[in-house]
């Protein structure tokens, strides 16, 4: 029953996504600008990244970071649908049905994470067009799996904020406060070795860091001092914690007045 309830919510969210073509385009603009404009603007920093052991172009270095940037913002913004559901009455109808509240949260998170992967796939397509190469094209499949897993954690953050926010302004304020700082506090744009020691230490506690390093290693074959097992472990713990937290907070807070 829980699986069916989760699937029902999951499928509803996907159908909603299909109707939001303008939203898809808007969410693609920022990462597309990052990878095309910023990637070429900082092309001259190649000697800098080579000095820390990355023997490739800056565009190849930052492309994994932009893929994860897409995943972060698509997934962390995805909780806004929960706000609309609360405001326009769907959530009240769902809560009065026999459906499990945890299933509602999990269905939304799964849909958001899949949508994040679809958008990340489009960014990978743009990266290939502008010259980023893969050692093996088949590596795109495990990269997509990692993006889905990672996005599941960030969609949990979004659901938590949407469940507790008392207004759309509060939701957007918290989401904007979290999204970009977590991205910037990672080796997405520059190696950890080039950060001040205190920032590098903080970045090592950020799950975005391990996801970027893992995807970059798969795309370029260059490891940066962090093992695949450690990266997967950190991402896995992050996702499990956020699924548990999102289910708990959603169940406790969603029936409160909006």
Protein backbone atom coordinates (compact mmCIF):
# COMPACT_ATOMS: atom_id res chain seq x y z
CA UNK A 1 0.00 0.00 0.00
CA UNK A 2 2.79 2.43 0.89
CA UNK A 3 4.51 1.69 -2.43
CA UNK A 4 1.31 2.33 -4.37
CA UNK A 5 0.60 5.56 -2.45
CA UNK A 6 4.14 6.77 -3.09
CA UNK A 7 3.86 5.94 -6.79
CA UNK A 8 0.55 7.81 -7.06
CA UNK A 9 2.06 11.02 -5.68
CA UNK A 10 5.24 10.47 -7.72
CA UNK A 11 3.27 10.16 -10.97
CA UNK A 12 1.13 13.21 -10.17
CA UNK A 13 4.25 15.33 -9.67
CA UNK A 14 5.72 14.14 -12.96
CA UNK A 15 2.54 15.06 -14.84
CA UNK A 16 2.66 18.50 -13.24
CA UNK A 17 6.26 18.85 -14.43
CA UNK A 18 5.28 18.00 -18.02
CA UNK A 19 2.87 20.95 -18.03
CA UNK A 20 5.53 23.41 -16.84
CA UNK A 21 7.62 23.82 -19.97
CA UNK A 22 8.47 27.45 -19.21
CA UNK A 23 9.72 26.40 -15.78
CA UNK A 24 11.99 23.81 -17.37
CA UNK A 25 13.52 26.45 -19.63
CA UNK A 26 14.02 28.94 -16.79
CA UNK A 27 15.76 26.34 -14.59
CA UNK A 28 18.12 25.52 -17.45
CA UNK A 29 19.19 29.09 -18.18
CA UNK A 30 21.41 29.63 -15.12
CA UNK A 31 23.49 26.41 -15.36
CA UNK A 32 23.73 26.80 -19.15
CA UNK A 33 25.16 30.30 -18.66
CA UNK A 34 27.56 28.98 -16.03
CA UNK A 35 28.97 26.23 -18.22
CA UNK A 36 29.16 28.27 -21.44
CA UNK A 37 30.12 31.75 -20.22
CA UNK A 38 31.96 31.12 -16.95
CA UNK A 39 33.70 28.05 -18.35
CA UNK A 40 35.26 30.07 -21.13
CA UNK A 41 35.81 33.21 -19.04
CA UNK A 42 38.06 31.32 -16.62
CA UNK A 43 39.76 29.22 -19.31
CA UNK A 44 43.01 31.03 -18.51
CA UNK A 45 43.10 29.47 -15.03
CA UNK A 46 44.18 26.11 -16.49
CA UNK A 47 47.74 26.44 -15.11
CA UNK A 48 46.21 27.04 -11.68
CA UNK A 49 44.23 23.82 -11.66
CA UNK A 50 47.11 21.92 -13.22
CA UNK A 51 49.26 23.00 -10.28
CA UNK A 52 47.10 20.85 -8.00
CA UNK A 53 47.18 17.80 -10.26
CA UNK A 54 44.26 18.28 -12.68
CA UNK A 55 45.63 17.83 -16.20
CA UNK A 56 42.71 19.12 -18.24
CA UNK A 57 40.89 22.28 -19.29
CA UNK A 58 38.98 24.46 -16.86
CA UNK A 59 35.79 23.66 -18.76
CA UNK A 60 36.32 19.96 -18.04
CA UNK A 61 37.04 20.81 -14.41
CA UNK A 62 33.91 22.86 -13.82
CA UNK A 63 31.41 20.86 -15.93
CA UNK A 64 30.75 18.34 -13.12
CA UNK A 65 30.14 21.24 -10.75
CA UNK A 66 27.55 22.76 -13.09
CA UNK A 67 25.81 19.38 -13.39
CA UNK A 68 25.55 19.29 -9.60
CA UNK A 69 24.48 22.97 -9.57
CA UNK A 70 21.55 21.95 -11.78
CA UNK A 71 20.67 19.11 -9.43
CA UNK A 72 20.87 21.37 -6.36
CA UNK A 73 18.58 24.09 -7.64
CA UNK A 74 16.08 21.84 -9.38
CA UNK A 75 15.69 19.68 -6.27
CA UNK A 76 15.81 22.39 -3.63
CA UNK A 77 13.26 24.51 -5.51
CA UNK A 78 11.00 21.50 -6.06
CA UNK A 79 9.31 21.81 -2.68
CA UNK A 80 7.43 24.88 -3.86
CA UNK A 81 4.78 22.50 -5.23
CA UNK A 82 4.02 21.52 -1.65
CA UNK A 83 3.23 25.16 -0.90
CA UNK A 84 0.84 25.32 -3.85
CA UNK A 85 -0.81 22.08 -2.75
CA UNK A 86 -1.36 23.53 0.72
CA UNK A 87 -2.71 26.82 -0.58
CA UNK A 88 -5.12 25.44 -3.19
CA UNK A 89 -6.57 22.56 -1.22
CA UNK A 90 -5.02 19.44 -2.72
CA UNK A 91 -3.05 18.75 0.44
CA UNK A 92 -6.19 18.86 2.60
CA UNK A 93 -7.86 16.32 0.31
CA UNK A 94 -4.79 14.07 0.41
CA UNK A 95 -4.60 14.25 4.21
CA UNK A 96 -8.24 13.20 4.60
CA UNK A 97 -7.69 10.14 2.38
CA UNK A 98 -6.23 6.82 3.62
CA UNK A 99 -2.88 7.66 2.00
CA UNK A 100 0.16 7.67 4.28
CA UNK A 101 1.65 11.10 4.93
CA UNK A 102 5.14 9.68 4.63
CA UNK A 103 4.16 8.38 1.18
CA UNK A 104 3.20 11.90 0.14
CA UNK A 105 6.60 13.23 1.18
CA UNK A 106 8.53 10.36 -0.39
CA UNK A 107 6.54 10.51 -3.64
CA UNK A 108 7.29 14.20 -4.00
CA UNK A 109 10.99 13.67 -3.24
CA UNK A 110 11.35 10.85 -5.77
CA UNK A 111 9.68 12.92 -8.48
CA UNK A 112 11.86 15.93 -7.74
CA UNK A 113 15.03 13.83 -7.85
CA UNK A 114 14.11 12.28 -11.20
CA UNK A 115 13.32 15.70 -12.64
CA UNK A 116 16.73 16.91 -11.40
CA UNK A 117 18.41 14.06 -13.24
CA UNK A 118 16.53 14.87 -16.46
CA UNK A 119 17.67 18.49 -16.28
CA UNK A 120 21.22 17.43 -15.42
CA UNK A 121 21.17 15.21 -18.52
CA UNK A 122 20.37 18.28 -20.63
CA UNK A 123 23.38 20.08 -19.12
CA UNK A 124 25.55 17.07 -19.95
CA UNK A 125 24.30 17.39 -23.53
CA UNK A 126 25.31 21.07 -23.59
CA UNK A 127 28.71 20.18 -22.12
CA UNK A 128 29.34 17.61 -24.86
CA UNK A 129 28.33 20.11 -27.56
CA UNK A 130 30.82 22.73 -26.32
CA UNK A 131 33.70 20.29 -26.13
CA UNK A 132 33.64 18.34 -22.85
CA UNK A 133 34.63 14.72 -23.47
CA UNK A 134 34.02 11.55 -21.48
CA UNK A 135 36.57 8.74 -21.15
CA UNK A 136 33.66 6.32 -21.68
CA UNK A 137 30.17 7.46 -22.74
CA UNK A 138 28.65 4.67 -20.62
CA UNK A 139 29.78 6.54 -17.51
CA UNK A 140 26.83 8.90 -18.06
CA UNK A 141 24.48 6.23 -16.67
CA UNK A 142 26.11 5.93 -13.22
CA UNK A 143 26.46 9.72 -13.14
CA UNK A 144 22.70 9.99 -13.58
CA UNK A 145 22.21 7.48 -10.76
CA UNK A 146 24.42 9.58 -8.49
CA UNK A 147 22.51 12.75 -9.43
CA UNK A 148 19.20 11.07 -8.58
CA UNK A 149 20.56 9.88 -5.22
CA UNK A 150 22.08 13.26 -4.39
CA UNK A 151 18.93 15.12 -5.48
CA UNK A 152 16.86 12.92 -3.21
CA UNK A 153 18.73 14.42 -0.25
CA UNK A 154 18.27 17.99 -1.41
CA UNK A 155 14.62 17.41 -2.24
CA UNK A 156 14.31 16.31 1.40
CA UNK A 157 15.63 19.71 2.47
CA UNK A 158 13.08 21.37 0.19
CA UNK A 159 10.19 19.31 1.59
CA UNK A 160 11.27 20.11 5.15
CA UNK A 161 11.35 23.85 4.43
CA UNK A 162 8.04 23.74 2.53
CA UNK A 163 6.37 21.86 5.40
CA UNK A 164 7.49 24.34 8.05
CA UNK A 165 7.32 27.62 6.10
CA UNK A 166 4.37 29.85 6.94
CA UNK A 167 4.54 31.75 3.65
CA UNK A 168 6.10 31.62 0.20
CA UNK A 169 8.40 34.47 1.17
CA UNK A 170 9.78 32.41 4.05
CA UNK A 171 10.28 29.39 1.78
CA UNK A 172 12.16 31.31 -0.89
CA UNK A 173 14.22 33.18 1.68
CA UNK A 174 15.45 29.98 3.34
CA UNK A 175 16.00 28.14 0.05
CA UNK A 176 18.07 30.97 -1.45
CA UNK A 177 20.04 31.19 1.79
CA UNK A 178 20.95 27.49 1.58
CA UNK A 179 21.35 26.77 -2.13
CA UNK A 180 24.14 28.98 -3.45
CA UNK A 181 26.34 28.94 -0.29
CA UNK A 182 26.35 25.12 -0.30
CA UNK A 183 27.35 25.13 -3.96
CA UNK A 184 30.06 27.76 -3.52
CA UNK A 185 31.43 26.00 -0.44
CA UNK A 186 32.60 23.07 -2.56
CA UNK A 187 35.28 22.32 -5.17
CA UNK A 188 32.77 22.87 -7.97
CA UNK A 189 34.60 25.89 -9.42
CA UNK A 190 38.07 25.69 -7.85
CA UNK A 191 40.10 22.95 -6.14
CA UNK A 192 39.93 22.62 -2.36
CA UNK A 193 43.69 23.16 -2.27
CA UNK A 194 43.20 26.76 -3.41
CA UNK A 195 40.73 27.60 -0.64
CA UNK A 196 41.78 29.07 2.71
CA UNK A 197 42.29 26.31 5.26
CA UNK A 198 39.18 27.14 7.28
CA UNK A 199 37.01 27.18 4.16
CA UNK A 200 38.50 23.91 2.93
CA UNK A 201 37.73 22.35 6.31
CA UNK A 202 34.12 23.56 6.12
CA UNK A 203 33.84 22.28 2.54
CA UNK A 204 34.83 18.79 3.68
CA UNK A 205 31.66 18.68 5.80
CA UNK A 206 29.51 19.56 2.79
CA UNK A 207 27.87 16.65 0.90
CA UNK A 208 28.07 18.73 -2.29
CA UNK A 209 31.86 18.45 -2.11
CA UNK A 210 31.85 14.67 -2.24
CA UNK A 211 29.27 14.55 -5.01
CA UNK A 212 31.24 16.97 -7.19
CA UNK A 213 34.48 15.05 -6.63
CA UNK A 214 32.80 11.74 -7.39
CA UNK A 215 31.19 12.97 -10.63
CA UNK A 216 34.38 14.75 -11.70
CA UNK A 217 36.39 11.59 -11.13
CA UNK A 218 33.96 9.63 -13.29
CA UNK A 219 33.96 12.24 -16.05
CA UNK A 220 37.71 12.87 -16.19
CA UNK A 221 39.34 9.88 -14.52
CA UNK A 222 41.15 12.27 -12.14
CA UNK A 223 40.80 11.57 -8.42
CA UNK A 224 41.35 14.40 -5.96
CA UNK A 225 42.31 12.64 -2.76
CA UNK A 226 38.84 11.35 -1.85
CA UNK A 227 37.97 7.70 -2.48
CA UNK A 228 34.84 6.61 -4.30
CA UNK A 229 33.77 4.59 -1.26
CA UNK A 230 33.99 7.64 1.02
CA UNK A 231 32.05 9.83 -1.41
CA UNK A 232 29.29 7.25 -1.80
CA UNK A 233 29.20 6.75 1.97
CA UNK A 234 28.79 10.47 2.66
CA UNK A 235 26.10 10.84 -0.01
CA UNK A 236 24.29 7.74 1.28
CA UNK A 237 24.27 8.96 4.88
CA UNK A 238 23.10 12.40 3.76
CA UNK A 239 20.22 10.93 1.76
CA UNK A 240 19.08 8.55 4.51
CA UNK A 241 19.12 11.36 7.08
CA UNK A 242 17.16 13.70 4.85
CA UNK A 243 14.54 11.09 3.92
CA UNK A 244 13.98 10.36 7.60
CA UNK A 245 13.90 14.04 8.56
CA UNK A 246 11.59 14.99 5.68
CA UNK A 247 9.14 12.18 6.50
CA UNK A 248 9.09 13.13 10.18
CA UNK A 249 8.73 16.88 9.66
CA UNK A 250 6.16 16.52 6.87
CA UNK A 251 4.02 14.18 8.98
CA UNK A 252 4.16 16.52 11.96
CA UNK A 253 3.81 19.91 10.26
CA UNK A 254 1.78 19.51 7.09
CA UNK A 255 -1.67 19.74 8.71
CA UNK A 256 -0.89 23.03 10.43
CA UNK A 257 -2.45 26.24 9.02
CA UNK A 258 -0.64 27.79 6.07
